[in-house]
Amino acid sequence: MKRRLNYFSLALVFINCFAFAGEQSLSDKAKNIIVISGKISDTNNNELLAGVKISCNNCEKTFYSDLDGYFFIHLDLVDSENLKIEFSQIGYYAKSIDFKELLGSSGNTYIDLKSK
């Protein structure tokens, strides 16, 4: 009986260790997960632009548009206040857009870059 009780106690401790291992800290719970997608084109000829660098001033992530000019941004933000997203490519003027403006656009986001 004692042996069975010891195994049962050991099993409970083991289960409790794994049950609490997946909990998030309070700072992780306060983050907002934001997803923005769209396409980037040349202002003059509406040609979709591949390899456009997409970065933001408050985060360490950098994204690039794909071969068809489409982009997909996934950000984990605690504070999106004064956040600007910058789109840049060699041969084009960089374009900086307020994060709130990007969120306000319905559906896909369309970005036009002007060539130099």
PDB file of N, CA and C in Angstrom:
ATOM      1  N   MET A   1       0.826  -1.197   0.000  1.00  0.00           N
ATOM      2  CA  MET A   1       0.000   0.000   0.000  1.00  0.00           C
ATOM      3  C   MET A   1       0.869   1.259   0.000  1.00  0.00           C
ATOM      4  N   LYS A   2       1.948   1.255   0.808  1.00  0.00           N
ATOM      5  CA  LYS A   2       2.832   2.417   0.852  1.00  0.00           C
ATOM      6  C   LYS A   2       3.505   2.628  -0.501  1.00  0.00           C
ATOM      7  N   ARG A   3       3.873   1.530  -1.128  1.00  0.00           N
ATOM      8  CA  ARG A   3       4.529   1.612  -2.417  1.00  0.00           C
ATOM      9  C   ARG A   3       3.585   2.225  -3.454  1.00  0.00           C
ATOM     10  N   ARG A   4       2.344   1.826  -3.430  1.00  0.00           N
ATOM     11  CA  ARG A   4       1.345   2.360  -4.360  1.00  0.00           C
ATOM     12  C   ARG A   4       1.124   3.852  -4.110  1.00  0.00           C
ATOM     13  N   LEU A   5       1.112   4.267  -2.832  1.00  0.00           N
ATOM     14  CA  LEU A   5       0.942   5.679  -2.469  1.00  0.00           C
ATOM     15  C   LEU A   5       2.143   6.493  -2.938  1.00  0.00           C
ATOM     16  N   ASN A   6       3.346   5.942  -2.832  1.00  0.00           N
ATOM     17  CA  ASN A   6       4.546   6.640  -3.299  1.00  0.00           C
ATOM     18  C   ASN A   6       4.511   6.852  -4.806  1.00  0.00           C
ATOM     19  N   TYR A   7       4.102   5.811  -5.551  1.00  0.00           N
ATOM     20  CA  TYR A   7       3.988   5.950  -7.003  1.00  0.00           C
ATOM     21  C   TYR A   7       2.939   6.987  -7.382  1.00  0.00           C
ATOM     22  N   PHE A   8       1.833   6.965  -6.677  1.00  0.00           N
ATOM     23  CA  PHE A   8       0.761   7.934  -6.939  1.00  0.00           C
ATOM     24  C   PHE A   8       1.249   9.360  -6.676  1.00  0.00           C
ATOM     25  N   SER A   9       1.959   9.569  -5.556  1.00  0.00           N
ATOM     26  CA  SER A   9       2.490  10.898  -5.225  1.00  0.00           C
ATOM     27  C   SER A   9       3.512  11.349  -6.252  1.00  0.00           C
ATOM     28  N   LEU A  10       4.353  10.440  -6.679  1.00  0.00           N
ATOM     29  CA  LEU A  10       5.356  10.763  -7.688  1.00  0.00           C
ATOM     30  C   LEU A  10       4.691  11.137  -9.013  1.00  0.00           C
ATOM     31  N   ALA A  11       3.654  10.421  -9.369  1.00  0.00           N
ATOM     32  CA  ALA A  11       2.926  10.728 -10.604  1.00  0.00           C
ATOM     33  C   ALA A  11       2.270  12.107 -10.523  1.00  0.00           C
ATOM     34  N   LEU A  12       1.694  12.471  -9.387  1.00  0.00           N
ATOM     35  CA  LEU A  12       1.084  13.794  -9.228  1.00  0.00           C
ATOM     36  C   LEU A  12       2.117  14.915  -9.349  1.00  0.00           C
ATOM     37  N   VAL A  13       3.262  14.738  -8.754  1.00  0.00           N
ATOM     38  CA  VAL A  13       4.323  15.746  -8.853  1.00  0.00           C
ATOM     39  C   VAL A  13       4.761  15.890 -10.302  1.00  0.00           C
ATOM     40  N   PHE A  14       4.937  14.778 -10.989  1.00  0.00           N
ATOM     41  CA  PHE A  14       5.345  14.786 -12.389  1.00  0.00           C
ATOM     42  C   PHE A  14       4.318  15.513 -13.258  1.00  0.00           C
ATOM     43  N   ILE A  15       3.053  15.227 -13.066  1.00  0.00           N
ATOM     44  CA  ILE A  15       1.983  15.862 -13.851  1.00  0.00           C
ATOM     45  C   ILE A  15       1.920  17.360 -13.566  1.00  0.00           C
ATOM     46  N   ASN A  16       2.058  17.768 -12.313  1.00  0.00           N
ATOM     47  CA  ASN A  16       2.017  19.190 -11.959  1.00  0.00           C
ATOM     48  C   ASN A  16       3.191  19.956 -12.551  1.00  0.00           C
ATOM     49  N   CYS A  17       4.346  19.332 -12.650  1.00  0.00           N
ATOM     50  CA  CYS A  17       5.504  20.012 -13.255  1.00  0.00           C
ATOM     51  C   CYS A  17       5.230  20.358 -14.707  1.00  0.00           C
ATOM     52  N   PHE A  18       4.637  19.445 -15.442  1.00  0.00           N
ATOM     53  CA  PHE A  18       4.350  19.701 -16.847  1.00  0.00           C
ATOM     54  C   PHE A  18       3.126  20.579 -17.041  1.00  0.00           C
ATOM     55  N   ALA A  19       2.203  20.556 -16.118  1.00  0.00           N
ATOM     56  CA  ALA A  19       0.994  21.373 -16.254  1.00  0.00           C
ATOM     57  C   ALA A  19       1.322  22.851 -16.155  1.00  0.00           C
ATOM     58  N   PHE A  20       2.279  23.230 -15.315  1.00  0.00           N
ATOM     59  CA  PHE A  20       2.612  24.634 -15.138  1.00  0.00           C
ATOM     60  C   PHE A  20       3.770  25.080 -16.017  1.00  0.00           C
ATOM     61  N   ALA A  21       4.409  24.164 -16.711  1.00  0.00           N
ATOM     62  CA  ALA A  21       5.536  24.518 -17.563  1.00  0.00           C
ATOM     63  C   ALA A  21       5.103  25.346 -18.757  1.00  0.00           C
ATOM     64  N   GLY A  22       3.877  25.210 -19.234  1.00  0.00           N
ATOM     65  CA  GLY A  22       3.407  25.923 -20.408  1.00  0.00           C
ATOM     66  C   GLY A  22       2.775  27.266 -20.125  1.00  0.00           C
ATOM     67  N   GLU A  23       2.738  27.688 -18.883  1.00  0.00           N
ATOM     68  CA  GLU A  23       2.123  28.977 -18.561  1.00  0.00           C
ATOM     69  C   GLU A  23       2.964  30.124 -19.092  1.00  0.00           C
ATOM     70  N   GLN A  24       2.293  31.166 -19.542  1.00  0.00           N
ATOM     71  CA  GLN A  24       2.981  32.346 -20.040  1.00  0.00           C
ATOM     72  C   GLN A  24       3.153  33.356 -18.913  1.00  0.00           C
ATOM     73  N   SER A  25       4.209  34.132 -19.025  1.00  0.00           N
ATOM     74  CA  SER A  25       4.399  35.196 -18.053  1.00  0.00           C
ATOM     75  C   SER A  25       3.408  36.319 -18.343  1.00  0.00           C
ATOM     76  N   LEU A  26       3.232  37.224 -17.390  1.00  0.00           N
ATOM     77  CA  LEU A  26       2.277  38.318 -17.568  1.00  0.00           C
ATOM     78  C   LEU A  26       2.659  39.220 -18.728  1.00  0.00           C
ATOM     79  N   SER A  27       3.971  39.408 -18.961  1.00  0.00           N
ATOM     80  CA  SER A  27       4.385  40.278 -20.058  1.00  0.00           C
ATOM     81  C   SER A  27       4.032  39.666 -21.410  1.00  0.00           C
ATOM     82  N   ASP A  28       4.076  38.324 -21.514  1.00  0.00           N
ATOM     83  CA  ASP A  28       3.699  37.669 -22.764  1.00  0.00           C
ATOM     84  C   ASP A  28       2.203  37.781 -23.018  1.00  0.00           C
ATOM     85  N   LYS A  29       1.407  37.740 -21.967  1.00  0.00           N
ATOM     86  CA  LYS A  29      -0.042  37.814 -22.130  1.00  0.00           C
ATOM     87  C   LYS A  29      -0.487  39.191 -22.579  1.00  0.00           C
ATOM     88  N   ALA A  30       0.311  40.232 -22.295  1.00  0.00           N
ATOM     89  CA  ALA A  30      -0.063  41.594 -22.648  1.00  0.00           C
ATOM     90  C   ALA A  30       0.250  41.922 -24.105  1.00  0.00           C
ATOM     91  N   LYS A  31       0.925  41.021 -24.799  1.00  0.00           N
ATOM     92  CA  LYS A  31       1.292  41.284 -26.181  1.00  0.00           C
ATOM     93  C   LYS A  31       0.086  41.154 -27.100  1.00  0.00           C
ATOM     94  N   ASN A  32       0.084  41.966 -28.140  1.00  0.00           N
ATOM     95  CA  ASN A  32      -0.928  41.875 -29.189  1.00  0.00           C
ATOM     96  C   ASN A  32      -0.286  41.242 -30.405  1.00  0.00           C
ATOM     97  N   ILE A  33      -0.909  40.242 -30.967  1.00  0.00           N
ATOM     98  CA  ILE A  33      -0.401  39.611 -32.172  1.00  0.00           C
ATOM     99  C   ILE A  33      -1.104  40.257 -33.356  1.00  0.00           C
ATOM    100  N   ILE A  34      -0.319  40.880 -34.215  1.00  0.00           N
ATOM    101  CA  ILE A  34      -0.842  41.628 -35.351  1.00  0.00           C
ATOM    102  C   ILE A  34      -0.363  40.979 -36.644  1.00  0.00           C
ATOM    103  N   VAL A  35      -1.277  40.810 -37.584  1.00  0.00           N
ATOM    104  CA  VAL A  35      -0.935  40.263 -38.896  1.00  0.00           C
ATOM    105  C   VAL A  35      -1.412  41.251 -39.956  1.00  0.00           C
ATOM    106  N   ILE A  36      -0.487  41.653 -40.833  1.00  0.00           N
ATOM    107  CA  ILE A  36      -0.805  42.572 -41.925  1.00  0.00           C
ATOM    108  C   ILE A  36      -0.299  41.939 -43.215  1.00  0.00           C
ATOM    109  N   SER A  37      -1.115  41.963 -44.242  1.00  0.00           N
ATOM    110  CA  SER A  37      -0.682  41.430 -45.531  1.00  0.00           C
ATOM    111  C   SER A  37      -1.081  42.387 -46.634  1.00  0.00           C
ATOM    112  N   GLY A  38      -0.435  42.250 -47.766  1.00  0.00           N
ATOM    113  CA  GLY A  38      -0.756  43.122 -48.884  1.00  0.00           C
ATOM    114  C   GLY A  38       0.217  42.932 -50.019  1.00  0.00           C
ATOM    115  N   LYS A  39       0.261  43.925 -50.898  1.00  0.00           N
ATOM    116  CA  LYS A  39       1.193  43.854 -52.022  1.00  0.00           C
ATOM    117  C   LYS A  39       1.836  45.212 -52.250  1.00  0.00           C
ATOM    118  N   ILE A  40       3.029  45.162 -52.856  1.00  0.00           N
ATOM    119  CA  ILE A  40       3.826  46.364 -53.097  1.00  0.00           C
ATOM    120  C   ILE A  40       4.065  46.482 -54.587  1.00  0.00           C
ATOM    121  N   SER A  41       3.798  47.671 -55.127  1.00  0.00           N
ATOM    122  CA  SER A  41       3.965  47.864 -56.572  1.00  0.00           C
ATOM    123  C   SER A  41       4.683  49.173 -56.864  1.00  0.00           C
ATOM    124  N   ASP A  42       5.155  49.294 -58.093  1.00  0.00           N
ATOM    125  CA  ASP A  42       5.788  50.500 -58.602  1.00  0.00           C
ATOM    126  C   ASP A  42       4.690  51.499 -58.950  1.00  0.00           C
ATOM    127  N   THR A  43       4.851  52.742 -58.536  1.00  0.00           N
ATOM    128  CA  THR A  43       3.846  53.776 -58.792  1.00  0.00           C
ATOM    129  C   THR A  43       3.669  54.035 -60.277  1.00  0.00           C
ATOM    130  N   ASN A  44       4.753  54.022 -61.041  1.00  0.00           N
ATOM    131  CA  ASN A  44       4.694  54.392 -62.457  1.00  0.00           C
ATOM    132  C   ASN A  44       4.001  53.358 -63.334  1.00  0.00           C
ATOM    133  N   ASN A  45       4.341  52.080 -63.170  1.00  0.00           N
ATOM    134  CA  ASN A  45       3.812  51.075 -64.092  1.00  0.00           C
ATOM    135  C   ASN A  45       2.991  49.973 -63.420  1.00  0.00           C
ATOM    136  N   ASN A  46       2.709  50.105 -62.139  1.00  0.00           N
ATOM    137  CA  ASN A  46       1.928  49.133 -61.351  1.00  0.00           C
ATOM    138  C   ASN A  46       2.526  47.728 -61.352  1.00  0.00           C
ATOM    139  N   GLU A  47       3.809  47.620 -61.650  1.00  0.00           N
ATOM    140  CA  GLU A  47       4.493  46.329 -61.610  1.00  0.00           C
ATOM    141  C   GLU A  47       4.744  45.956 -60.155  1.00  0.00           C
ATOM    142  N   LEU A  48       4.451  44.707 -59.783  1.00  0.00           N
ATOM    143  CA  LEU A  48       4.669  44.260 -58.415  1.00  0.00           C
ATOM    144  C   LEU A  48       6.162  44.121 -58.140  1.00  0.00           C
ATOM    145  N   LEU A  49       6.587  44.537 -56.951  1.00  0.00           N
ATOM    146  CA  LEU A  49       8.013  44.588 -56.608  1.00  0.00           C
ATOM    147  C   LEU A  49       8.394  43.452 -55.664  1.00  0.00           C
ATOM    148  N   ALA A  50       9.385  42.688 -56.051  1.00  0.00           N
ATOM    149  CA  ALA A  50       9.902  41.594 -55.224  1.00  0.00           C
ATOM    150  C   ALA A  50      11.074  42.079 -54.389  1.00  0.00           C
ATOM    151  N   GLY A  51      11.230  41.515 -53.192  1.00  0.00           N
ATOM    152  CA  GLY A  51      12.392  41.800 -52.355  1.00  0.00           C
ATOM    153  C   GLY A  51      12.391  43.150 -51.682  1.00  0.00           C
ATOM    154  N   VAL A  52      11.225  43.762 -51.495  1.00  0.00           N
ATOM    155  CA  VAL A  52      11.151  45.038 -50.789  1.00  0.00           C
ATOM    156  C   VAL A  52      11.353  44.775 -49.300  1.00  0.00           C
ATOM    157  N   LYS A  53      12.240  45.539 -48.687  1.00  0.00           N
ATOM    158  CA  LYS A  53      12.530  45.390 -47.254  1.00  0.00           C
ATOM    159  C   LYS A  53      11.447  46.095 -46.449  1.00  0.00           C
ATOM    160  N   ILE A  54      10.909  45.384 -45.467  1.00  0.00           N
ATOM    161  CA  ILE A  54       9.858  45.929 -44.604  1.00  0.00           C
ATOM    162  C   ILE A  54      10.363  45.847 -43.172  1.00  0.00           C
ATOM    163  N   SER A  55      10.492  46.999 -42.519  1.00  0.00           N
ATOM    164  CA  SER A  55      10.999  47.027 -41.146  1.00  0.00           C
ATOM    165  C   SER A  55      10.183  48.008 -40.316  1.00  0.00           C
ATOM    166  N   CYS A  56      10.302  47.888 -39.010  1.00  0.00           N
ATOM    167  CA  CYS A  56       9.602  48.831 -38.124  1.00  0.00           C
ATOM    168  C   CYS A  56      10.587  49.400 -37.124  1.00  0.00           C
ATOM    169  N   ASN A  57      10.247  50.575 -36.592  1.00  0.00           N
ATOM    170  CA  ASN A  57      11.191  51.300 -35.744  1.00  0.00           C
ATOM    171  C   ASN A  57      11.290  50.741 -34.325  1.00  0.00           C
ATOM    172  N   ASN A  58      10.279  50.034 -33.820  1.00  0.00           N
ATOM    173  CA  ASN A  58      10.297  49.554 -32.439  1.00  0.00           C
ATOM    174  C   ASN A  58      10.500  48.053 -32.296  1.00  0.00           C
ATOM    175  N   CYS A  59      10.630  47.345 -33.391  1.00  0.00           N
ATOM    176  CA  CYS A  59      10.799  45.894 -33.294  1.00  0.00           C
ATOM    177  C   CYS A  59      12.055  45.472 -34.041  1.00  0.00           C
ATOM    178  N   GLU A  60      12.513  44.286 -33.758  1.00  0.00           N
ATOM    179  CA  GLU A  60      13.763  43.816 -34.334  1.00  0.00           C
ATOM    180  C   GLU A  60      13.556  42.940 -35.566  1.00  0.00           C
ATOM    181  N   LYS A  61      12.325  42.768 -36.005  1.00  0.00           N
ATOM    182  CA  LYS A  61      12.047  41.899 -37.148  1.00  0.00           C
ATOM    183  C   LYS A  61      12.123  42.671 -38.458  1.00  0.00           C
ATOM    184  N   THR A  62      12.576  41.968 -39.487  1.00  0.00           N
ATOM    185  CA  THR A  62      12.601  42.516 -40.832  1.00  0.00           C
ATOM    186  C   THR A  62      11.917  41.508 -41.742  1.00  0.00           C
ATOM    187  N   PHE A  63      11.098  42.010 -42.634  1.00  0.00           N
ATOM    188  CA  PHE A  63      10.368  41.164 -43.569  1.00  0.00           C
ATOM    189  C   PHE A  63      10.700  41.603 -44.991  1.00  0.00           C
ATOM    190  N   TYR A  64      10.418  40.752 -45.962  1.00  0.00           N
ATOM    191  CA  TYR A  64      10.634  41.071 -47.374  1.00  0.00           C
ATOM    192  C   TYR A  64       9.418  40.618 -48.177  1.00  0.00           C
ATOM    193  N   SER A  65       9.130  41.355 -49.231  1.00  0.00           N
ATOM    194  CA  SER A  65       8.051  40.921 -50.110  1.00  0.00           C
ATOM    195  C   SER A  65       8.531  39.718 -50.922  1.00  0.00           C
ATOM    196  N   ASP A  66       7.602  38.862 -51.321  1.00  0.00           N
ATOM    197  CA  ASP A  66       7.981  37.667 -52.074  1.00  0.00           C
ATOM    198  C   ASP A  66       8.185  37.986 -53.551  1.00  0.00           C
ATOM    199  N   LEU A  67       8.390  36.981 -54.349  1.00  0.00           N
ATOM    200  CA  LEU A  67       8.687  37.181 -55.774  1.00  0.00           C
ATOM    201  C   LEU A  67       7.532  37.813 -56.542  1.00  0.00           C
ATOM    202  N   ASP A  68       6.325  37.696 -56.012  1.00  0.00           N
ATOM    203  CA  ASP A  68       5.154  38.278 -56.662  1.00  0.00           C
ATOM    204  C   ASP A  68       4.772  39.641 -56.082  1.00  0.00           C
ATOM    205  N   GLY A  69       5.589  40.184 -55.171  1.00  0.00           N
ATOM    206  CA  GLY A  69       5.319  41.494 -54.593  1.00  0.00           C
ATOM    207  C   GLY A  69       4.393  41.476 -53.389  1.00  0.00           C
ATOM    208  N   TYR A  70       4.022  40.299 -52.924  1.00  0.00           N
ATOM    209  CA  TYR A  70       3.133  40.196 -51.763  1.00  0.00           C
ATOM    210  C   TYR A  70       3.955  40.105 -50.486  1.00  0.00           C
ATOM    211  N   PHE A  71       3.405  40.645 -49.401  1.00  0.00           N
ATOM    212  CA  PHE A  71       4.087  40.574 -48.114  1.00  0.00           C
ATOM    213  C   PHE A  71       3.125  40.107 -47.033  1.00  0.00           C
ATOM    214  N   PHE A  72       3.711  39.585 -45.963  1.00  0.00           N
ATOM    215  CA  PHE A  72       2.965  39.077 -44.821  1.00  0.00           C
ATOM    216  C   PHE A  72       3.774  39.431 -43.588  1.00  0.00           C
ATOM    217  N   ILE A  73       3.215  40.259 -42.714  1.00  0.00           N
ATOM    218  CA  ILE A  73       3.915  40.706 -41.500  1.00  0.00           C
ATOM    219  C   ILE A  73       3.203  40.113 -40.293  1.00  0.00           C
ATOM    220  N   HIS A  74       3.970  39.508 -39.402  1.00  0.00           N
ATOM    221  CA  HIS A  74       3.448  38.942 -38.164  1.00  0.00           C
ATOM    222  C   HIS A  74       4.245  39.552 -37.018  1.00  0.00           C
ATOM    223  N   LEU A  75       3.601  40.390 -36.204  1.00  0.00           N
ATOM    224  CA  LEU A  75       4.287  41.083 -35.114  1.00  0.00           C
ATOM    225  C   LEU A  75       3.648  40.757 -33.773  1.00  0.00           C
ATOM    226  N   ASP A  76       4.485  40.578 -32.754  1.00  0.00           N
ATOM    227  CA  ASP A  76       4.032  40.453 -31.373  1.00  0.00           C
ATOM    228  C   ASP A  76       4.376  41.761 -30.681  1.00  0.00           C
ATOM    229  N   LEU A  77       3.369  42.595 -30.450  1.00  0.00           N
ATOM    230  CA  LEU A  77       3.621  43.928 -29.915  1.00  0.00           C
ATOM    231  C   LEU A  77       3.037  44.102 -28.525  1.00  0.00           C
ATOM    232  N   VAL A  78       3.793  44.773 -27.668  1.00  0.00           N
ATOM    233  CA  VAL A  78       3.283  45.161 -26.366  1.00  0.00           C
ATOM    234  C   VAL A  78       2.672  46.547 -26.478  1.00  0.00           C
ATOM    235  N   ASP A  79       3.356  47.430 -27.209  1.00  0.00           N
ATOM    236  CA  ASP A  79       2.885  48.803 -27.376  1.00  0.00           C
ATOM    237  C   ASP A  79       3.042  49.197 -28.839  1.00  0.00           C
ATOM    238  N   SER A  80       1.928  49.535 -29.475  1.00  0.00           N
ATOM    239  CA  SER A  80       1.987  49.915 -30.886  1.00  0.00           C
ATOM    240  C   SER A  80       1.927  51.433 -31.064  1.00  0.00           C
ATOM    241  N   GLU A  81       2.090  52.167 -29.983  1.00  0.00           N
ATOM    242  CA  GLU A  81       2.059  53.629 -30.037  1.00  0.00           C
ATOM    243  C   GLU A  81       3.281  54.141 -30.791  1.00  0.00           C
ATOM    244  N   ASN A  82       3.070  55.058 -31.723  1.00  0.00           N
ATOM    245  CA  ASN A  82       4.139  55.688 -32.515  1.00  0.00           C
ATOM    246  C   ASN A  82       4.955  54.686 -33.329  1.00  0.00           C
ATOM    247  N   LEU A  83       4.367  53.592 -33.705  1.00  0.00           N
ATOM    248  CA  LEU A  83       5.057  52.589 -34.501  1.00  0.00           C
ATOM    249  C   LEU A  83       4.919  52.933 -35.980  1.00  0.00           C
ATOM    250  N   LYS A  84       6.039  52.925 -36.677  1.00  0.00           N
ATOM    251  CA  LYS A  84       6.052  53.204 -38.113  1.00  0.00           C
ATOM    252  C   LYS A  84       6.655  52.016 -38.832  1.00  0.00           C
ATOM    253  N   ILE A  85       6.040  51.650 -39.948  1.00  0.00           N
ATOM    254  CA  ILE A  85       6.529  50.570 -40.794  1.00  0.00           C
ATOM    255  C   ILE A  85       7.158  51.216 -42.026  1.00  0.00           C
ATOM    256  N   GLU A  86       8.382  50.800 -42.356  1.00  0.00           N
ATOM    257  CA  GLU A  86       9.077  51.382 -43.498  1.00  0.00           C
ATOM    258  C   GLU A  86       9.264  50.347 -44.598  1.00  0.00           C
ATOM    259  N   PHE A  87       8.950  50.759 -45.818  1.00  0.00           N
ATOM    260  CA  PHE A  87       9.109  49.935 -47.011  1.00  0.00           C
ATOM    261  C   PHE A  87      10.228  50.559 -47.838  1.00  0.00           C
ATOM    262  N   SER A  88      11.259  49.785 -48.172  1.00  0.00           N
ATOM    263  CA  SER A  88      12.388  50.350 -48.923  1.00  0.00           C
ATOM    264  C   SER A  88      12.976  49.312 -49.868  1.00  0.00           C
ATOM    265  N   GLN A  89      13.495  49.823 -50.975  1.00  0.00           N
ATOM    266  CA  GLN A  89      14.186  48.984 -51.953  1.00  0.00           C
ATOM    267  C   GLN A  89      15.152  49.875 -52.735  1.00  0.00           C
ATOM    268  N   ILE A  90      16.249  49.304 -53.169  1.00  0.00           N
ATOM    269  CA  ILE A  90      17.231  50.052 -53.947  1.00  0.00           C
ATOM    270  C   ILE A  90      16.571  50.535 -55.234  1.00  0.00           C
ATOM    271  N   GLY A  91      16.787  51.820 -55.541  1.00  0.00           N
ATOM    272  CA  GLY A  91      16.220  52.412 -56.746  1.00  0.00           C
ATOM    273  C   GLY A  91      14.856  53.045 -56.532  1.00  0.00           C
ATOM    274  N   TYR A  92      14.338  52.969 -55.292  1.00  0.00           N
ATOM    275  CA  TYR A  92      13.029  53.538 -54.969  1.00  0.00           C
ATOM    276  C   TYR A  92      13.143  54.392 -53.716  1.00  0.00           C
ATOM    277  N   TYR A  93      12.276  55.383 -53.603  1.00  0.00           N
ATOM    278  CA  TYR A  93      12.199  56.181 -52.390  1.00  0.00           C
ATOM    279  C   TYR A  93      11.544  55.347 -51.299  1.00  0.00           C
ATOM    280  N   ALA A  94      12.102  55.392 -50.091  1.00  0.00           N
ATOM    281  CA  ALA A  94      11.518  54.663 -48.965  1.00  0.00           C
ATOM    282  C   ALA A  94      10.187  55.304 -48.588  1.00  0.00           C
ATOM    283  N   LYS A  95       9.290  54.483 -48.119  1.00  0.00           N
ATOM    284  CA  LYS A  95       7.974  54.964 -47.707  1.00  0.00           C
ATOM    285  C   LYS A  95       7.723  54.498 -46.280  1.00  0.00           C
ATOM    286  N   SER A  96       7.400  55.447 -45.404  1.00  0.00           N
ATOM    287  CA  SER A  96       7.128  55.148 -44.007  1.00  0.00           C
ATOM    288  C   SER A  96       5.652  55.403 -43.723  1.00  0.00           C
ATOM    289  N   ILE A  97       5.000  54.433 -43.097  1.00  0.00           N
ATOM    290  CA  ILE A  97       3.561  54.527 -42.848  1.00  0.00           C
ATOM    291  C   ILE A  97       3.289  54.249 -41.378  1.00  0.00           C
ATOM    292  N   ASP A  98       2.390  55.038 -40.788  1.00  0.00           N
ATOM    293  CA  ASP A  98       1.975  54.796 -39.403  1.00  0.00           C
ATOM    294  C   ASP A  98       1.308  53.434 -39.299  1.00  0.00           C
ATOM    295  N   PHE A  99       1.605  52.738 -38.229  1.00  0.00           N
ATOM    296  CA  PHE A  99       1.051  51.413 -38.003  1.00  0.00           C
ATOM    297  C   PHE A  99      -0.476  51.461 -37.921  1.00  0.00           C
ATOM    298  N   LYS A 100      -1.003  52.495 -37.286  1.00  0.00           N
ATOM    299  CA  LYS A 100      -2.462  52.625 -37.153  1.00  0.00           C
ATOM    300  C   LYS A 100      -3.129  52.810 -38.508  1.00  0.00           C
ATOM    301  N   GLU A 101      -2.446  53.472 -39.426  1.00  0.00           N
ATOM    302  CA  GLU A 101      -2.975  53.658 -40.778  1.00  0.00           C
ATOM    303  C   GLU A 101      -3.057  52.315 -41.512  1.00  0.00           C
ATOM    304  N   LEU A 102      -2.042  51.472 -41.302  1.00  0.00           N
ATOM    305  CA  LEU A 102      -2.060  50.144 -41.915  1.00  0.00           C
ATOM    306  C   LEU A 102      -3.196  49.295 -41.363  1.00  0.00           C
ATOM    307  N   LEU A 103      -3.416  49.390 -40.063  1.00  0.00           N
ATOM    308  CA  LEU A 103      -4.497  48.617 -39.451  1.00  0.00           C
ATOM    309  C   LEU A 103      -5.862  49.108 -39.904  1.00  0.00           C
ATOM    310  N   GLY A 104      -5.981  50.402 -40.211  1.00  0.00           N
ATOM    311  CA  GLY A 104      -7.257  50.983 -40.620  1.00  0.00           C
ATOM    312  C   GLY A 104      -7.695  50.570 -42.007  1.00  0.00           C
ATOM    313  N   SER A 105      -6.769  50.132 -42.841  1.00  0.00           N
ATOM    314  CA  SER A 105      -7.153  49.737 -44.194  1.00  0.00           C
ATOM    315  C   SER A 105      -7.856  48.387 -44.148  1.00  0.00           C
ATOM    316  N   SER A 106      -8.951  48.289 -44.861  1.00  0.00           N
ATOM    317  CA  SER A 106      -9.713  47.050 -44.847  1.00  0.00           C
ATOM    318  C   SER A 106      -9.149  46.071 -45.862  1.00  0.00           C
ATOM    319  N   GLY A 107      -9.099  44.814 -45.498  1.00  0.00           N
ATOM    320  CA  GLY A 107      -8.588  43.795 -46.407  1.00  0.00           C
ATOM    321  C   GLY A 107      -7.094  43.904 -46.606  1.00  0.00           C
ATOM    322  N   ASN A 108      -6.655  43.627 -47.812  1.00  0.00           N
ATOM    323  CA  ASN A 108      -5.231  43.696 -48.126  1.00  0.00           C
ATOM    324  C   ASN A 108      -4.760  45.139 -48.232  1.00  0.00           C
ATOM    325  N   THR A 109      -3.508  45.344 -47.909  1.00  0.00           N
ATOM    326  CA  THR A 109      -2.894  46.658 -47.957  1.00  0.00           C
ATOM    327  C   THR A 109      -2.116  46.799 -49.263  1.00  0.00           C
ATOM    328  N   TYR A 110      -2.269  47.935 -49.916  1.00  0.00           N
ATOM    329  CA  TYR A 110      -1.555  48.204 -51.167  1.00  0.00           C
ATOM    330  C   TYR A 110      -0.558  49.329 -50.935  1.00  0.00           C
ATOM    331  N   ILE A 111       0.712  49.054 -51.214  1.00  0.00           N
ATOM    332  CA  ILE A 111       1.782  50.016 -51.029  1.00  0.00           C
ATOM    333  C   ILE A 111       2.388  50.332 -52.393  1.00  0.00           C
ATOM    334  N   ASP A 112       2.508  51.616 -52.719  1.00  0.00           N
ATOM    335  CA  ASP A 112       3.131  52.044 -53.965  1.00  0.00           C
ATOM    336  C   ASP A 112       4.456  52.729 -53.648  1.00  0.00           C
ATOM    337  N   LEU A 113       5.536  52.295 -54.300  1.00  0.00           N
ATOM    338  CA  LEU A 113       6.835  52.925 -54.150  1.00  0.00           C
ATOM    339  C   LEU A 113       7.170  53.662 -55.432  1.00  0.00           C
ATOM    340  N   LYS A 114       7.735  54.864 -55.257  1.00  0.00           N
ATOM    341  CA  LYS A 114       8.079  55.695 -56.405  1.00  0.00           C
ATOM    342  C   LYS A 114       9.553  55.497 -56.733  1.00  0.00           C
ATOM    343  N   SER A 115       9.850  55.258 -58.001  1.00  0.00           N
ATOM    344  CA  SER A 115      11.243  55.053 -58.417  1.00  0.00           C
ATOM    345  C   SER A 115      12.002  56.381 -58.414  1.00  0.00           C
ATOM    346  N   LYS A 116      13.310  56.292 -58.218  1.00  0.00           N
ATOM    347  CA  LYS A 116      14.166  57.485 -58.156  1.00  0.00           C
ATOM    348  C   LYS A 116      14.521  57.964 -59.536  1.00  0.00           C
TER     349      LYS A 116
END
